Protein backbone atom coordinates (compact mmCIF):
# COMPACT_ATOMS: atom_id res chain seq x y z
CA MET A 1 -28.70 8.64 4.83
CA SER A 2 -27.16 5.39 5.64
CA LYS A 3 -25.82 4.58 9.24
CA LEU A 4 -22.52 5.64 9.98
CA VAL A 5 -20.29 2.96 11.17
CA THR A 6 -16.30 2.60 12.20
CA ASN A 7 -14.39 -0.40 11.21
CA GLU A 8 -10.39 -0.96 11.03
CA VAL A 9 -8.91 -0.64 7.53
CA LEU A 10 -6.73 -3.49 6.61
CA ASP A 11 -6.48 -3.06 2.96
CA LYS A 12 -3.84 -0.96 1.91
CA ASP A 13 -5.32 -0.29 -1.68
CA LYS A 14 -8.57 0.75 -0.18
CA TRP A 15 -6.75 3.27 1.94
CA GLU A 16 -4.56 4.75 -0.46
CA SER A 17 -7.36 4.90 -3.20
CA PHE A 18 -9.49 6.86 -0.65
CA LEU A 19 -6.48 9.32 0.64
CA LEU A 20 -5.12 10.05 -2.87
CA SER A 21 -8.74 10.81 -4.38
CA ARG A 22 -8.60 13.71 -1.78
CA LYS A 23 -5.22 15.12 -3.42
CA PRO A 24 -3.67 15.35 0.05
CA GLY A 25 -1.54 18.24 0.99
CA THR A 26 0.65 15.75 3.14
CA PHE A 27 1.70 12.26 3.38
CA LEU A 28 1.18 11.88 7.10
CA GLN A 29 -1.94 9.83 6.75
CA SER A 30 -0.36 7.73 4.09
CA TRP A 31 -0.23 3.81 4.56
CA ASN A 32 3.50 4.06 4.36
CA TRP A 33 3.87 6.68 6.97
CA GLY A 34 1.93 4.25 9.31
CA GLU A 35 4.39 1.47 8.27
CA ALA A 36 7.38 3.72 8.92
CA ASN A 37 6.31 4.32 12.31
CA LYS A 38 5.88 0.63 12.83
CA LEU A 39 9.30 0.01 11.75
CA THR A 40 10.39 2.64 14.54
CA GLY A 41 8.35 0.70 17.17
CA PHE A 42 5.06 2.44 17.27
CA LYS A 43 1.65 0.82 17.11
CA ILE A 44 -0.71 1.94 14.50
CA LYS A 45 -4.46 1.71 14.31
CA ARG A 46 -6.32 2.86 10.94
CA LEU A 47 -10.00 3.63 11.57
CA GLY A 48 -12.30 4.03 8.52
CA PHE A 49 -15.38 5.75 8.82
CA TYR A 50 -18.49 4.14 6.59
CA GLU A 51 -21.67 5.37 5.41
CA GLY A 52 -23.28 2.13 4.93
CA LYS A 53 -20.41 0.28 2.79
CA VAL A 54 -18.92 3.38 1.41
CA LEU A 55 -15.67 4.62 2.94
CA VAL A 56 -16.03 8.40 3.70
CA GLY A 57 -13.53 9.15 6.17
CA ILE A 58 -10.14 7.91 7.83
CA ALA A 59 -7.92 8.33 10.78
CA GLN A 60 -4.53 6.78 11.06
CA LEU A 61 -3.60 6.76 14.93
CA ILE A 62 -0.08 6.48 16.13
CA HIS A 63 0.42 5.51 19.56
CA GLN A 64 2.98 7.52 21.35
CA PRO A 65 4.12 5.83 24.81
CA ALA A 66 5.90 9.21 26.01
CA LYS A 67 6.73 9.78 29.60
CA ARG A 68 4.95 12.95 29.67
CA GLY A 69 1.54 11.12 28.83
CA HIS A 70 0.93 8.49 26.43
CA HIS A 71 -1.38 9.69 23.72
CA PHE A 72 -2.27 9.24 20.05
CA LEU A 73 -1.20 11.29 17.10
CA ILE A 74 -3.14 11.80 13.93
CA PRO A 75 -0.97 14.14 11.90
CA GLY A 76 -2.72 15.14 8.48
CA GLY A 77 -5.95 13.94 9.85
CA PRO A 78 -8.66 13.02 10.28
CA VAL A 79 -9.32 12.76 6.51
CA ILE A 80 -13.01 13.77 6.27
CA ASP A 81 -15.32 16.42 4.83
CA TYR A 82 -15.01 19.12 7.75
CA GLY A 83 -18.20 20.53 5.86
CA ASN A 84 -20.18 17.48 6.85
CA LYS A 85 -21.00 18.18 10.77
CA SER A 86 -22.78 15.01 11.29
CA LEU A 87 -19.36 13.04 10.00
CA PHE A 88 -17.30 15.27 11.98
CA LYS A 89 -19.14 14.47 15.14
CA PHE A 90 -19.31 10.85 14.61
CA ALA A 91 -15.55 10.49 13.63
CA THR A 92 -14.73 12.43 16.83
CA GLU A 93 -16.99 10.24 19.15
CA SER A 94 -15.45 7.35 17.55
CA ILE A 95 -11.75 8.60 18.34
CA ILE A 96 -12.58 9.24 21.75
CA GLU A 97 -14.26 5.82 22.18
CA TYR A 98 -11.34 4.05 20.90
CA ALA A 99 -8.72 6.35 22.98
CA ARG A 100 -10.81 5.57 26.01
CA LYS A 101 -10.38 1.74 25.39
CA GLU A 102 -6.59 2.25 25.11
CA LYS A 103 -6.43 4.42 28.23
CA VAL A 104 -4.25 7.11 26.63
CA TRP A 105 -4.29 10.69 28.18
CA PHE A 106 -5.06 12.57 25.14
CA VAL A 107 -5.43 12.70 21.18
CA ARG A 108 -3.73 15.29 19.10
CA ILE A 109 -4.95 15.83 15.50
CA ARG A 110 -3.68 18.32 12.93
CA PRO A 111 -6.24 18.23 9.94
CA ASP A 112 -4.73 18.53 6.40
CA MET A 113 -6.75 21.44 5.90
CA ALA A 114 -5.62 25.45 5.73
CA ASP A 115 -5.85 27.53 8.77
CA SER A 116 -9.34 29.02 9.34
CA LYS A 117 -11.32 30.61 12.00
CA ASN A 118 -14.56 28.41 11.07
CA LEU A 119 -12.65 25.25 11.41
CA ARG A 120 -10.82 26.53 14.51
CA ASP A 121 -14.18 27.40 16.02
CA MET A 122 -15.71 24.08 15.07
CA LEU A 123 -12.76 22.11 16.67
CA THR A 124 -13.40 24.25 20.04
CA LYS A 125 -17.25 23.80 20.06
CA SER A 126 -16.60 19.93 19.79
CA GLY A 127 -14.15 19.90 22.80
CA TYR A 128 -10.83 20.11 21.09
CA VAL A 129 -8.09 22.81 22.65
CA SER A 130 -5.44 24.31 20.70
CA ALA A 131 -2.17 22.20 21.33
CA PRO A 132 0.82 23.87 23.26
CA MET A 133 3.26 22.19 20.49
CA HIS A 134 3.26 22.04 16.65
CA LEU A 135 2.83 18.72 14.89
CA HIS A 136 4.73 18.18 11.75
CA GLY A 137 5.47 21.14 9.46
CA GLU A 138 2.59 23.32 10.14
CA HIS A 139 3.94 26.17 8.24
CA THR A 140 5.43 25.69 5.01
CA LEU A 141 6.23 27.01 1.33
CA ILE A 142 4.90 25.22 -1.65
CA LEU A 143 6.54 25.69 -5.12
CA ASP A 144 4.69 25.27 -8.40
CA ILE A 145 7.37 23.37 -10.53
CA THR A 146 5.16 22.71 -13.63
CA LYS A 147 6.77 25.81 -14.82
CA ASP A 148 9.98 25.65 -17.18
CA GLU A 149 13.43 25.93 -15.40
CA GLU A 150 14.00 29.31 -16.51
CA ASP A 151 10.79 30.69 -15.02
CA LEU A 152 11.44 28.75 -12.03
CA LEU A 153 15.00 30.62 -11.61
CA LYS A 154 13.32 33.92 -12.62
CA GLY A 155 10.95 33.46 -9.70
CA MET A 156 13.70 33.04 -7.07
CA ARG A 157 15.55 35.80 -5.29
CA LYS A 158 18.26 37.30 -7.08
CA THR A 159 20.95 35.94 -4.75
CA THR A 160 19.64 32.45 -4.61
CA ARG A 161 19.62 32.50 -8.34
CA TYR A 162 23.17 33.72 -8.80
CA LEU A 163 24.38 31.22 -6.00
CA ILE A 164 22.60 28.13 -8.01
CA ARG A 165 24.40 29.26 -11.04
CA LYS A 166 27.61 29.66 -9.39
CA SER A 167 27.55 26.10 -7.80
CA MET A 168 27.13 24.45 -11.24
CA ASN A 169 30.88 24.97 -11.64
CA GLU A 170 31.97 23.97 -8.15
CA GLY A 171 32.40 20.42 -8.49
CA TYR A 172 29.30 19.07 -6.51
CA LYS A 173 27.75 15.76 -7.50
CA ILE A 174 24.35 14.28 -6.44
CA ARG A 175 24.13 10.75 -5.54
CA VAL A 176 20.54 9.30 -5.22
CA SER A 177 19.91 6.21 -3.14
CA LYS A 178 17.17 4.15 -1.86
CA ASP A 179 19.34 2.09 0.28
CA PRO A 180 18.31 2.41 4.22
CA LYS A 181 22.04 1.97 4.99
CA ASP A 182 22.86 5.12 3.43
CA ALA A 183 20.64 6.79 6.09
CA ASP A 184 23.88 6.92 8.16
CA ILE A 185 25.12 9.37 6.02
CA LEU A 186 21.94 11.79 6.64
CA SER A 187 22.14 10.94 10.26
CA ARG A 188 25.82 11.94 10.80
CA LEU A 189 25.03 15.21 8.85
CA GLN A 190 22.30 15.91 10.86
CA ILE A 191 24.03 15.67 14.07
CA GLU A 192 26.30 18.36 13.03
CA THR A 193 23.29 20.52 11.93
CA VAL A 194 21.64 19.87 15.35
CA LYS A 195 24.96 21.30 16.91
CA ARG A 196 24.66 24.33 15.18
CA HIS A 197 21.16 25.00 15.29
CA ARG A 198 20.40 23.47 18.86
CA PHE A 199 17.08 21.60 17.92
CA VAL A 200 16.22 18.02 18.68
CA GLY A 201 16.99 15.84 15.70
CA PHE A 202 15.67 12.64 14.45
CA THR A 203 17.08 8.81 14.85
CA LYS A 204 18.75 7.13 12.24
CA LYS A 205 16.38 4.30 13.02
CA LEU A 206 13.48 6.85 11.71
CA PHE A 207 15.63 7.79 8.26
CA GLU A 208 16.13 3.87 7.72
CA ALA A 209 12.37 3.30 8.21
CA GLN A 210 11.25 6.08 5.83
CA LEU A 211 13.66 4.81 3.18
CA GLU A 212 12.44 1.28 3.65
CA ALA A 213 8.76 1.58 3.92
CA PHE A 214 8.25 4.40 1.35
CA GLY A 215 11.03 2.81 -0.86
CA LYS A 216 9.07 0.02 -1.79
CA ASP A 217 6.35 2.06 -3.67
CA ASN A 218 9.24 4.17 -5.09
CA GLN A 219 7.95 7.40 -2.90
CA SER A 220 11.50 8.19 -0.91
CA GLU A 221 14.89 8.75 -2.22
CA LEU A 222 17.91 9.97 -0.36
CA PHE A 223 19.94 12.72 -2.03
CA ILE A 224 23.40 13.08 -1.33
CA CYS A 225 25.44 15.88 -2.34
CA GLU A 226 29.25 15.21 -2.45
CA LYS A 227 32.37 16.91 -3.85
CA ASN A 228 35.58 14.89 -4.28
CA GLY A 229 33.61 11.80 -2.69
CA VAL A 230 32.88 13.91 0.71
CA PRO A 231 29.02 14.09 1.58
CA LEU A 232 28.24 17.61 2.27
CA VAL A 233 24.44 17.80 2.21
CA ALA A 234 21.86 14.93 2.30
CA ALA A 235 17.91 15.01 2.24
CA ILE A 236 15.31 12.42 2.29
CA ILE A 237 12.65 13.42 -0.06
CA ILE A 238 9.23 12.04 -0.02
CA PHE A 239 7.27 11.52 -3.32
CA TYR A 240 3.59 11.54 -2.70
CA GLY A 241 0.64 12.37 -4.74
CA GLU A 242 1.36 15.67 -6.80
CA LYS A 243 4.03 16.47 -4.49
CA ALA A 244 7.82 16.06 -3.54
CA PHE A 245 8.58 16.83 -0.09
CA TYR A 246 11.96 17.94 1.38
CA HIS A 247 11.35 15.98 4.62
CA HIS A 248 14.75 15.46 6.44
CA SER A 249 18.01 17.05 5.91
CA GLY A 250 21.32 17.74 7.20
CA SER A 251 24.78 19.48 6.19
CA SER A 252 28.39 19.39 7.35
CA GLU A 253 29.99 22.24 9.09
CA SER A 254 32.45 22.55 6.15
CA SER A 255 29.62 23.11 3.99
CA ARG A 256 28.64 26.44 5.51
CA SER A 257 31.10 28.10 3.19
CA THR A 258 30.05 26.66 0.26
CA ASN A 259 27.17 26.68 -2.16
CA ALA A 260 26.30 22.96 -1.88
CA SER A 261 22.79 23.72 -0.16
CA TYR A 262 21.94 25.59 -3.17
CA PHE A 263 23.11 23.05 -5.44
CA THR A 264 21.34 20.32 -3.97
CA GLN A 265 17.97 22.00 -3.58
CA TRP A 266 17.98 23.03 -7.27
CA GLU A 267 18.86 19.56 -8.23
CA ILE A 268 16.29 17.92 -6.07
CA ILE A 269 13.53 20.28 -7.52
CA LYS A 270 14.56 19.63 -11.14
CA TYR A 271 14.51 15.83 -10.32
CA SER A 272 11.14 16.27 -8.78
CA LYS A 273 10.09 17.92 -11.84
CA SER A 274 11.07 15.20 -14.17
CA ALA A 275 9.50 12.59 -12.08
CA GLY A 276 6.12 14.39 -12.81
CA LYS A 277 5.51 16.02 -9.65
CA LYS A 278 3.51 19.31 -9.86
CA TYR A 279 4.70 20.70 -6.55
CA TYR A 280 7.57 20.95 -4.48
CA ASP A 281 6.97 21.19 -0.46
CA PHE A 282 9.93 22.89 1.24
CA TRP A 283 8.51 21.31 4.69
CA GLY A 284 8.74 23.67 7.44
CA ILE A 285 9.58 27.27 8.13
CA ALA A 286 9.13 29.53 10.92
CA PRO A 287 5.69 30.79 11.87
CA THR A 288 6.63 34.45 11.57
CA ASP A 289 9.10 36.70 10.14
CA ASP A 290 10.74 37.27 13.48
CA PRO A 291 14.71 37.24 12.73
CA ARG A 292 15.25 36.05 16.33
CA HIS A 293 13.03 32.86 15.61
CA ARG A 294 15.48 29.73 15.73
CA PHE A 295 14.48 28.78 12.45
CA ALA A 296 14.74 32.38 10.87
CA GLY A 297 18.00 31.33 8.93
CA VAL A 298 16.55 28.33 7.26
CA THR A 299 13.54 29.90 6.59
CA THR A 300 15.33 32.73 4.81
CA PHE A 301 17.33 30.18 2.75
CA LYS A 302 14.00 28.33 1.69
CA LYS A 303 12.28 31.50 0.56
CA GLY A 304 14.78 32.47 -1.65
CA PHE A 305 13.38 29.74 -4.12
CA GLY A 306 10.35 31.06 -4.24
CA GLY A 307 6.80 29.38 -3.52
CA VAL A 308 3.77 30.29 -1.87
CA ARG A 309 3.50 30.19 2.11
CA ILE A 310 0.82 27.86 3.35
CA ASP A 311 -0.20 27.76 7.16
CA TRP A 312 -1.80 24.52 8.12
CA MET A 313 -4.41 24.23 10.76
CA HIS A 314 -2.64 24.10 13.91
CA ALA A 315 -2.58 20.85 16.25
CA HIS A 316 -5.51 20.30 18.26
CA ASP A 317 -5.67 18.08 21.52
CA LEU A 318 -8.70 16.03 22.61
CA ALA A 319 -8.33 15.59 26.44
CA ILE A 320 -9.40 11.81 27.31
CA SER A 321 -7.87 11.74 30.93
CA SER A 322 -7.51 14.66 33.42
CA LEU A 323 -3.83 13.77 33.23
CA TYR A 324 -3.66 15.68 29.96
CA TRP A 325 -3.42 19.09 31.66
CA THR A 326 -0.18 17.92 33.20
CA THR A 327 1.42 16.89 29.80
CA ARG A 328 0.01 20.38 28.62
CA ALA A 329 1.73 22.39 31.36
CA PHE A 330 5.06 20.58 30.59
CA GLU A 331 4.98 21.04 26.78
CA THR A 332 3.94 24.67 27.23
CA GLY A 333 7.22 25.12 29.47
CA ARG A 334 9.16 23.23 27.06
CA ARG A 335 7.95 25.38 24.02
CA ILE A 336 9.04 28.58 25.79
CA ILE A 337 12.47 27.30 26.66
CA ARG A 338 13.04 25.87 23.00
CA ARG A 339 11.73 29.33 21.50
CA LEU A 340 9.33 27.57 19.34
């Protein structure tokens, strides 16, 4: 076996070719996700793990200069063959070495792998600990949209199907935009959503960055549901690999008494299907069926459209500094308070 080495990857085509060959379950290690994070002010490092001259793994590190402890995030990664123990060991050691140079407190990973005891055990044996917080849509529903429209409707909850058909005659229209300036619409609608559901929202800057970075490669679009010219619902959809991801959304207070959200979801699903995508990822549901969970309502809504539940591997942390344990205590308390 050739010697394993780590080098920074500076070639977008090389990075994307490797990642897409793995049929990723997420876009979180994509080149454009890194670019979007750059646009919002975060530093990015793209490590490539090579066996000789052959790229065999990647890890995109996003620096988080948080007050609770600066750290690296590797969402959806590292992207390696986890069955190759020597490669996994080498990748972990390389990440630790770089993290120590940058003097971060810890590294948080969330492999693009389904949850399994074997992988959890392997991470634990290698020094990782289960993170106190989740990282980017760890629980989701994925709908196979290769079926024809009637079969998709038949696979939905009866009430959902009825409300979709009812919404078709209620005067809604979908406007599709790639213009980052329209992120203001989503931002305003999400502020209303945040007030209702009491969660921490995202910034307009992040929405603009996603539309700009992914939009250059036709990988993102903003869907705006309007009635009489008034925006009721908006959502950013990321198109990556075989999937369309329902990534960020927001809705007005007035939309709650309408069927606009059902209309919007169905139109996006049909659009994604026509764009040649095979799967629609609803991106984020409650971890359990507990009706008291803060995301129980949105989970019930998404489940109405059908799909298969996927539980990705939970985030795990590598402590680089003893200060990590201060962060861990803080995040544990915050999780309890927010009922996450």
